[in-house]
Amino acid sequence: MIIPIDLLENYDENIYEATVASIRRAYQITVTGDEELEQNEGKVVSTAIRQILTRKVQFQIEE
């Protein structure tokens, strides 16, 4: 899997928030692992971005 460009192009919310969430999710995957990681040939960032953009992983920004 590569970075999901089609999902990025169609994303209509705050891309900055999605970027921050993806970075944090990538860190979580690195530390704890994820079942999708094996399917994606170990590509942590691509896995994190796809999970955020497809809303498999929910996030919220705390103020």
C-alpha atoms as a PDB file:
ATOM      1  CA  MET A   1       0.000   0.000   0.000  1.00  0.00           C
ATOM      2  CA  ILE A   2       1.169   3.488  -0.729  1.00  0.00           C
ATOM      3  CA  ILE A   3      -0.127   6.741   0.713  1.00  0.00           C
ATOM      4  CA  PRO A   4      -3.825   6.883  -0.232  1.00  0.00           C
ATOM      5  CA  ILE A   5      -3.792   9.915  -2.540  1.00  0.00           C
ATOM      6  CA  ASP A   6      -7.431   9.417  -3.560  1.00  0.00           C
ATOM      7  CA  LEU A   7      -8.527   9.685   0.083  1.00  0.00           C
ATOM      8  CA  LEU A   8      -6.362  12.766   0.620  1.00  0.00           C
ATOM      9  CA  GLU A   9      -7.799  14.526  -2.424  1.00  0.00           C
ATOM     10  CA  ASN A  10     -11.370  13.909  -1.317  1.00  0.00           C
ATOM     11  CA  TYR A  11     -10.830  14.795   2.344  1.00  0.00           C
ATOM     12  CA  ASP A  12     -13.037  17.813   3.059  1.00  0.00           C
ATOM     13  CA  GLU A  13     -12.231  18.436   6.719  1.00  0.00           C
ATOM     14  CA  ASN A  14      -9.287  20.128   8.418  1.00  0.00           C
ATOM     15  CA  ILE A  15      -6.216  18.505   6.859  1.00  0.00           C
ATOM     16  CA  TYR A  16      -3.952  19.887   9.604  1.00  0.00           C
ATOM     17  CA  GLU A  17      -5.933  17.981  12.252  1.00  0.00           C
ATOM     18  CA  ALA A  18      -5.831  14.826  10.139  1.00  0.00           C
ATOM     19  CA  THR A  19      -2.060  15.217   9.733  1.00  0.00           C
ATOM     20  CA  VAL A  20      -1.519  15.560  13.480  1.00  0.00           C
ATOM     21  CA  ALA A  21      -3.791  12.581  14.142  1.00  0.00           C
ATOM     22  CA  SER A  22      -1.919  10.508  11.541  1.00  0.00           C
ATOM     23  CA  ILE A  23       1.431  11.317  13.095  1.00  0.00           C
ATOM     24  CA  ARG A  24       0.203  10.309  16.535  1.00  0.00           C
ATOM     25  CA  ARG A  25      -1.416   7.163  15.149  1.00  0.00           C
ATOM     26  CA  ALA A  26       1.825   6.218  13.387  1.00  0.00           C
ATOM     27  CA  TYR A  27       3.619   6.505  16.727  1.00  0.00           C
ATOM     28  CA  GLN A  28       0.987   4.300  18.396  1.00  0.00           C
ATOM     29  CA  ILE A  29       1.337   1.678  15.668  1.00  0.00           C
ATOM     30  CA  THR A  30       5.123   1.732  16.044  1.00  0.00           C
ATOM     31  CA  VAL A  31       4.897   1.156  19.792  1.00  0.00           C
ATOM     32  CA  THR A  32       1.983  -1.282  20.005  1.00  0.00           C
ATOM     33  CA  GLY A  33       1.685  -2.749  16.515  1.00  0.00           C
ATOM     34  CA  ASP A  34      -1.466  -3.226  14.463  1.00  0.00           C
ATOM     35  CA  GLU A  35      -3.022  -6.138  12.618  1.00  0.00           C
ATOM     36  CA  GLU A  36      -3.158  -4.130   9.356  1.00  0.00           C
ATOM     37  CA  LEU A  37       0.589  -3.520   9.465  1.00  0.00           C
ATOM     38  CA  GLU A  38       1.399  -7.021   8.200  1.00  0.00           C
ATOM     39  CA  GLN A  39      -1.010  -6.601   5.279  1.00  0.00           C
ATOM     40  CA  ASN A  40       0.676  -3.304   4.362  1.00  0.00           C
ATOM     41  CA  GLU A  41       4.205  -4.687   4.276  1.00  0.00           C
ATOM     42  CA  GLY A  42       5.194  -2.836   7.457  1.00  0.00           C
ATOM     43  CA  LYS A  43       4.392   0.639   6.124  1.00  0.00           C
ATOM     44  CA  VAL A  44       3.472   2.427   9.340  1.00  0.00           C
ATOM     45  CA  VAL A  45       2.739   5.911   7.987  1.00  0.00           C
ATOM     46  CA  SER A  46       0.556   4.676   5.132  1.00  0.00           C
ATOM     47  CA  THR A  47      -1.380   2.487   7.540  1.00  0.00           C
ATOM     48  CA  ALA A  48      -1.899   5.379   9.955  1.00  0.00           C
ATOM     49  CA  ILE A  49      -3.037   7.797   7.248  1.00  0.00           C
ATOM     50  CA  ARG A  50      -5.507   5.293   5.812  1.00  0.00           C
ATOM     51  CA  GLN A  51      -6.935   4.531   9.266  1.00  0.00           C
ATOM     52  CA  ILE A  52      -7.476   8.224   9.993  1.00  0.00           C
ATOM     53  CA  LEU A  53      -8.956   9.124   6.605  1.00  0.00           C
ATOM     54  CA  THR A  54     -11.305   6.133   6.522  1.00  0.00           C
ATOM     55  CA  ARG A  55     -12.282   6.841  10.131  1.00  0.00           C
ATOM     56  CA  LYS A  56     -11.299   3.399  11.339  1.00  0.00           C
ATOM     57  CA  VAL A  57      -9.559   5.300  14.115  1.00  0.00           C
ATOM     58  CA  GLN A  58     -11.455   8.228  15.611  1.00  0.00           C
ATOM     59  CA  PHE A  59      -9.668  11.316  16.936  1.00  0.00           C
ATOM     60  CA  GLN A  60     -10.545  14.569  18.621  1.00  0.00           C
ATOM     61  CA  ILE A  61      -8.541  17.717  19.213  1.00  0.00           C
ATOM     62  CA  GLU A  62      -8.448  18.812  22.829  1.00  0.00           C
ATOM     63  CA  GLU A  63      -8.067  22.464  23.622  1.00  0.00           C
END
